[in-house]
Amino acid sequence: MGADLAEERRVKAWTLGLISMSVSMHLQAGVTEFGAGLDQSVWRLTADSQVECRLEHPIPSWGTGAFVSRAGRKINLDFELKGLRQQAQTQTVSLGSMPPNWRPGLAGRDISQLRFFKQFDGLVDGQTAWTMLDELENGRMPTFQYRDWYRQNRAVRVSLSNVNFRVKYQAFMDCLNGLLPYSFNDIAFSVLTYDKNSDSLSASSKRRLAMISEFIKADSDH
């Protein structure tokens, strides 16, 4: 009796394992993948100034991803995910880190759950954006997964390739180190003062004018 019960449990476990494997394979097969292949992966430093640093990565047939940092008092980094099609609905997006295809056996890991808003580009900011940069530096692929309204809510996976990343990564970091420690908003409303009983600008006003001049020289948009 005990032997029969044990055998029945083994059969059930084996059957459940097959079912689980079948479901997993079905879900995997239902995911539409977007990402640059070995011969497609390009990283470009498209802004390299004292006011903005931008490191872009084209994602074939999907759009573009870009790390962006701007001049300011605080350390800042954003990642912008811009698709060829606008977000058709507001939804939750899973962000994870996956090993490259040529390193089988390594496990992926979760990074964060994000909200992408209807008709806006996807945005990752703060520490999460720095984590993505670190994952790429360590040879992994930050990966977004969500349900695509344009494809009848099928699962879509959008990955950033680490191939050729290091070629431009150091240049991007050098750009970050050269950003001005103040933004346009910090100097846009400046009140200049003069020394008492003098037509000479005060020392603080001279410093403010120097900052304005430096920013204007570095920023072709103003």
Protein backbone atom coordinates (compact mmCIF):
# COMPACT_ATOMS: atom_id res chain seq x y z
CA MET A 1 0.00 0.00 0.00
CA GLY A 2 2.79 2.41 0.98
CA ALA A 3 4.76 1.54 -2.15
CA ASP A 4 1.70 2.19 -4.35
CA LEU A 5 1.16 5.60 -2.68
CA ALA A 6 4.80 6.53 -3.19
CA GLU A 7 4.63 5.50 -6.84
CA GLU A 8 1.44 7.53 -7.33
CA ARG A 9 3.15 10.61 -5.87
CA ARG A 10 6.14 10.14 -8.17
CA VAL A 11 3.85 9.92 -11.21
CA LYS A 12 1.97 13.05 -10.13
CA ALA A 13 5.20 14.96 -9.56
CA TRP A 14 6.53 13.86 -12.95
CA THR A 15 3.26 14.87 -14.66
CA LEU A 16 3.20 18.26 -12.94
CA GLY A 17 6.78 18.79 -14.00
CA LEU A 18 5.90 18.13 -17.64
CA ILE A 19 2.92 20.49 -17.43
CA SER A 20 5.05 23.21 -15.82
CA MET A 21 7.74 22.78 -18.48
CA SER A 22 5.15 22.91 -21.24
CA VAL A 23 3.60 26.12 -19.86
CA SER A 24 7.04 27.71 -19.43
CA MET A 25 8.02 26.88 -23.02
CA HIS A 26 4.70 28.19 -24.28
CA LEU A 27 5.15 31.51 -22.46
CA GLN A 28 8.73 31.82 -23.68
CA ALA A 29 7.63 31.17 -27.24
CA GLY A 30 4.97 33.87 -26.90
CA VAL A 31 7.46 36.62 -26.09
CA THR A 32 8.42 38.99 -28.91
CA GLU A 33 12.10 39.94 -28.54
CA PHE A 34 13.75 43.21 -29.55
CA GLY A 35 17.47 43.82 -29.18
CA ALA A 36 20.60 44.48 -31.20
CA GLY A 37 22.52 41.44 -32.42
CA LEU A 38 26.30 41.07 -32.33
CA ASP A 39 26.70 42.82 -35.68
CA GLN A 40 24.09 45.51 -34.92
CA SER A 41 25.02 46.73 -31.46
CA VAL A 42 26.12 50.37 -31.47
CA TRP A 43 26.55 52.90 -28.67
CA ARG A 44 26.93 56.59 -29.60
CA LEU A 45 27.90 59.61 -27.50
CA THR A 46 25.44 62.05 -29.11
CA ALA A 47 25.89 64.88 -26.58
CA ASP A 48 29.27 65.63 -25.03
CA SER A 49 29.38 69.06 -23.40
CA GLN A 50 29.50 70.76 -20.01
CA VAL A 51 25.71 70.96 -19.94
CA GLU A 52 24.60 67.55 -21.23
CA CYS A 53 25.95 64.04 -21.74
CA ARG A 54 23.93 61.55 -23.79
CA LEU A 55 24.85 57.93 -24.57
CA GLU A 56 22.42 56.40 -27.12
CA HIS A 57 21.77 52.83 -28.20
CA PRO A 58 19.57 52.04 -31.24
CA ILE A 59 17.25 49.04 -30.75
CA PRO A 60 16.50 47.60 -34.21
CA SER A 61 12.81 47.66 -35.21
CA TRP A 62 11.84 49.10 -31.83
CA GLY A 63 13.40 52.49 -31.11
CA THR A 64 16.21 53.97 -29.03
CA GLY A 65 17.48 53.91 -25.48
CA ALA A 66 19.62 56.69 -24.02
CA PHE A 67 21.41 57.48 -20.78
CA VAL A 68 21.25 61.24 -20.12
CA SER A 69 22.85 63.45 -17.47
CA ARG A 70 22.67 67.25 -17.30
CA ALA A 71 24.51 70.05 -15.56
CA GLY A 72 23.18 70.76 -12.08
CA ARG A 73 23.88 70.94 -8.37
CA LYS A 74 22.87 67.33 -7.81
CA ILE A 75 24.19 64.10 -9.30
CA ASN A 76 21.64 62.99 -11.86
CA LEU A 77 21.16 60.27 -14.47
CA ASP A 78 18.07 59.30 -16.48
CA PHE A 79 17.47 56.50 -18.94
CA GLU A 80 14.99 57.34 -21.70
CA LEU A 81 13.36 54.55 -23.71
CA LYS A 82 11.82 55.96 -26.89
CA GLY A 83 9.86 53.60 -29.13
CA LEU A 84 8.95 54.05 -32.78
CA ARG A 85 5.35 53.82 -31.54
CA GLN A 86 4.01 55.84 -28.62
CA GLN A 87 2.92 54.05 -25.47
CA ALA A 88 -0.73 53.21 -26.18
CA GLN A 89 -1.64 52.72 -22.52
CA THR A 90 -0.26 53.31 -19.05
CA GLN A 91 1.13 50.08 -17.67
CA THR A 92 3.54 48.38 -15.33
CA VAL A 93 6.86 47.36 -16.88
CA SER A 94 9.29 44.83 -15.43
CA LEU A 95 12.96 45.75 -15.56
CA GLY A 96 15.49 42.98 -15.14
CA SER A 97 19.07 42.10 -15.96
CA MET A 98 19.81 39.16 -18.24
CA PRO A 99 23.08 37.42 -19.08
CA PRO A 100 24.11 37.58 -22.76
CA ASN A 101 23.14 34.63 -24.96
CA TRP A 102 26.72 33.42 -25.16
CA ARG A 103 26.88 32.96 -21.36
CA PRO A 104 24.27 30.22 -20.74
CA GLY A 105 23.68 29.05 -17.21
CA LEU A 106 23.80 32.49 -15.60
CA ALA A 107 20.53 33.53 -13.99
CA GLY A 108 18.68 36.74 -14.69
CA ARG A 109 17.62 39.00 -11.86
CA ASP A 110 14.90 41.54 -11.16
CA ILE A 111 15.83 45.22 -10.86
CA SER A 112 12.59 47.14 -10.53
CA GLN A 113 8.90 47.53 -11.43
CA LEU A 114 8.22 50.73 -13.39
CA ARG A 115 5.24 52.71 -14.65
CA PHE A 116 5.33 53.81 -18.28
CA PHE A 117 2.68 56.39 -19.05
CA LYS A 118 0.42 56.65 -22.07
CA GLN A 119 1.90 58.72 -24.94
CA PHE A 120 5.14 59.37 -23.02
CA ASP A 121 8.57 57.87 -23.48
CA GLY A 122 9.63 55.31 -20.90
CA LEU A 123 11.72 56.91 -18.16
CA VAL A 124 14.04 55.36 -15.57
CA ASP A 125 15.68 57.77 -13.14
CA GLY A 126 17.83 57.96 -10.05
CA GLN A 127 19.55 54.93 -8.58
CA THR A 128 17.77 52.51 -10.95
CA ALA A 129 19.34 54.22 -13.97
CA TRP A 130 22.78 53.93 -12.34
CA THR A 131 22.09 50.24 -11.71
CA MET A 132 21.36 49.73 -15.42
CA LEU A 133 24.65 51.41 -16.31
CA ASP A 134 26.48 49.17 -13.85
CA GLU A 135 24.84 46.02 -15.26
CA LEU A 136 26.01 46.93 -18.77
CA GLU A 137 29.52 47.61 -17.50
CA ASN A 138 29.52 44.12 -15.97
CA GLY A 139 28.55 42.47 -19.26
CA ARG A 140 24.83 42.00 -18.63
CA MET A 141 21.77 43.22 -20.52
CA PRO A 142 19.13 45.45 -18.88
CA THR A 143 15.80 44.15 -20.18
CA PHE A 144 12.27 45.57 -20.15
CA GLN A 145 9.19 43.36 -20.41
CA TYR A 146 5.61 44.50 -20.84
CA ARG A 147 2.36 43.76 -22.65
CA ASP A 148 2.20 45.44 -26.07
CA TRP A 149 -1.17 46.95 -26.98
CA TYR A 150 -0.14 47.03 -30.66
CA ARG A 151 0.40 43.26 -30.61
CA GLN A 152 -2.85 42.27 -28.90
CA ASN A 153 -1.22 42.52 -25.44
CA ARG A 154 1.40 39.90 -26.20
CA ALA A 155 4.50 39.93 -24.02
CA VAL A 156 7.34 42.02 -25.45
CA ARG A 157 10.94 42.04 -24.26
CA VAL A 158 13.26 44.95 -25.10
CA SER A 159 16.96 44.48 -24.29
CA LEU A 160 20.03 46.67 -24.29
CA SER A 161 23.05 44.93 -25.76
CA ASN A 162 26.38 45.16 -23.93
CA VAL A 163 28.32 44.58 -27.17
CA ASN A 164 30.52 47.60 -27.94
CA PHE A 165 29.26 49.32 -24.78
CA ARG A 166 32.70 49.79 -23.23
CA VAL A 167 33.91 51.57 -26.38
CA LYS A 168 31.85 54.65 -25.46
CA TYR A 169 31.28 54.07 -21.73
CA GLN A 170 34.54 55.70 -20.60
CA ALA A 171 33.93 58.71 -22.84
CA PHE A 172 30.46 59.07 -21.27
CA MET A 173 31.94 58.93 -17.75
CA ASP A 174 34.53 61.56 -18.73
CA CYS A 175 31.67 63.76 -19.94
CA LEU A 176 29.83 63.32 -16.62
CA ASN A 177 32.91 64.45 -14.74
CA GLY A 178 33.02 67.64 -16.82
CA LEU A 179 29.41 68.75 -16.28
CA LEU A 180 28.93 72.23 -14.80
CA PRO A 181 27.85 72.16 -11.12
CA TYR A 182 24.82 74.36 -11.85
CA SER A 183 21.92 74.36 -14.30
CA PHE A 184 20.30 77.04 -16.44
CA ASN A 185 17.54 77.44 -13.84
CA ASP A 186 20.16 78.20 -11.19
CA ILE A 187 21.32 81.29 -13.10
CA ALA A 188 18.23 82.27 -15.12
CA PHE A 189 16.98 84.75 -12.52
CA SER A 190 20.10 86.59 -11.40
CA VAL A 191 20.02 89.88 -9.50
CA LEU A 192 23.24 91.85 -9.94
CA THR A 193 24.36 94.27 -7.24
CA TYR A 194 27.01 96.99 -6.97
CA ASP A 195 29.49 97.79 -4.27
CA LYS A 196 28.26 100.50 -1.91
CA ASN A 197 28.70 104.02 -3.34
CA SER A 198 30.31 102.57 -6.46
CA ASP A 199 29.55 101.78 -10.07
CA SER A 200 31.53 98.53 -9.82
CA LEU A 201 29.74 95.23 -9.58
CA SER A 202 30.06 93.33 -6.33
CA ALA A 203 32.31 90.28 -6.18
CA SER A 204 29.28 87.96 -5.99
CA SER A 205 27.73 89.60 -9.07
CA LYS A 206 30.98 89.22 -11.01
CA ARG A 207 31.04 85.52 -10.12
CA ARG A 208 27.42 85.20 -11.26
CA LEU A 209 28.20 86.88 -14.59
CA ALA A 210 31.15 84.54 -15.07
CA MET A 211 28.84 81.56 -14.46
CA ILE A 212 26.31 82.88 -16.98
CA SER A 213 29.04 83.41 -19.56
CA GLU A 214 30.45 79.93 -18.99
CA PHE A 215 27.03 78.31 -19.33
CA ILE A 216 26.17 80.21 -22.54
CA LYS A 217 29.48 79.20 -24.13
CA ALA A 218 28.86 75.55 -23.25
CA ASP A 219 25.20 75.44 -24.28
CA SER A 220 24.35 76.15 -27.91
CA ASP A 221 20.59 76.07 -27.10
CA HIS A 222 20.67 79.33 -25.12
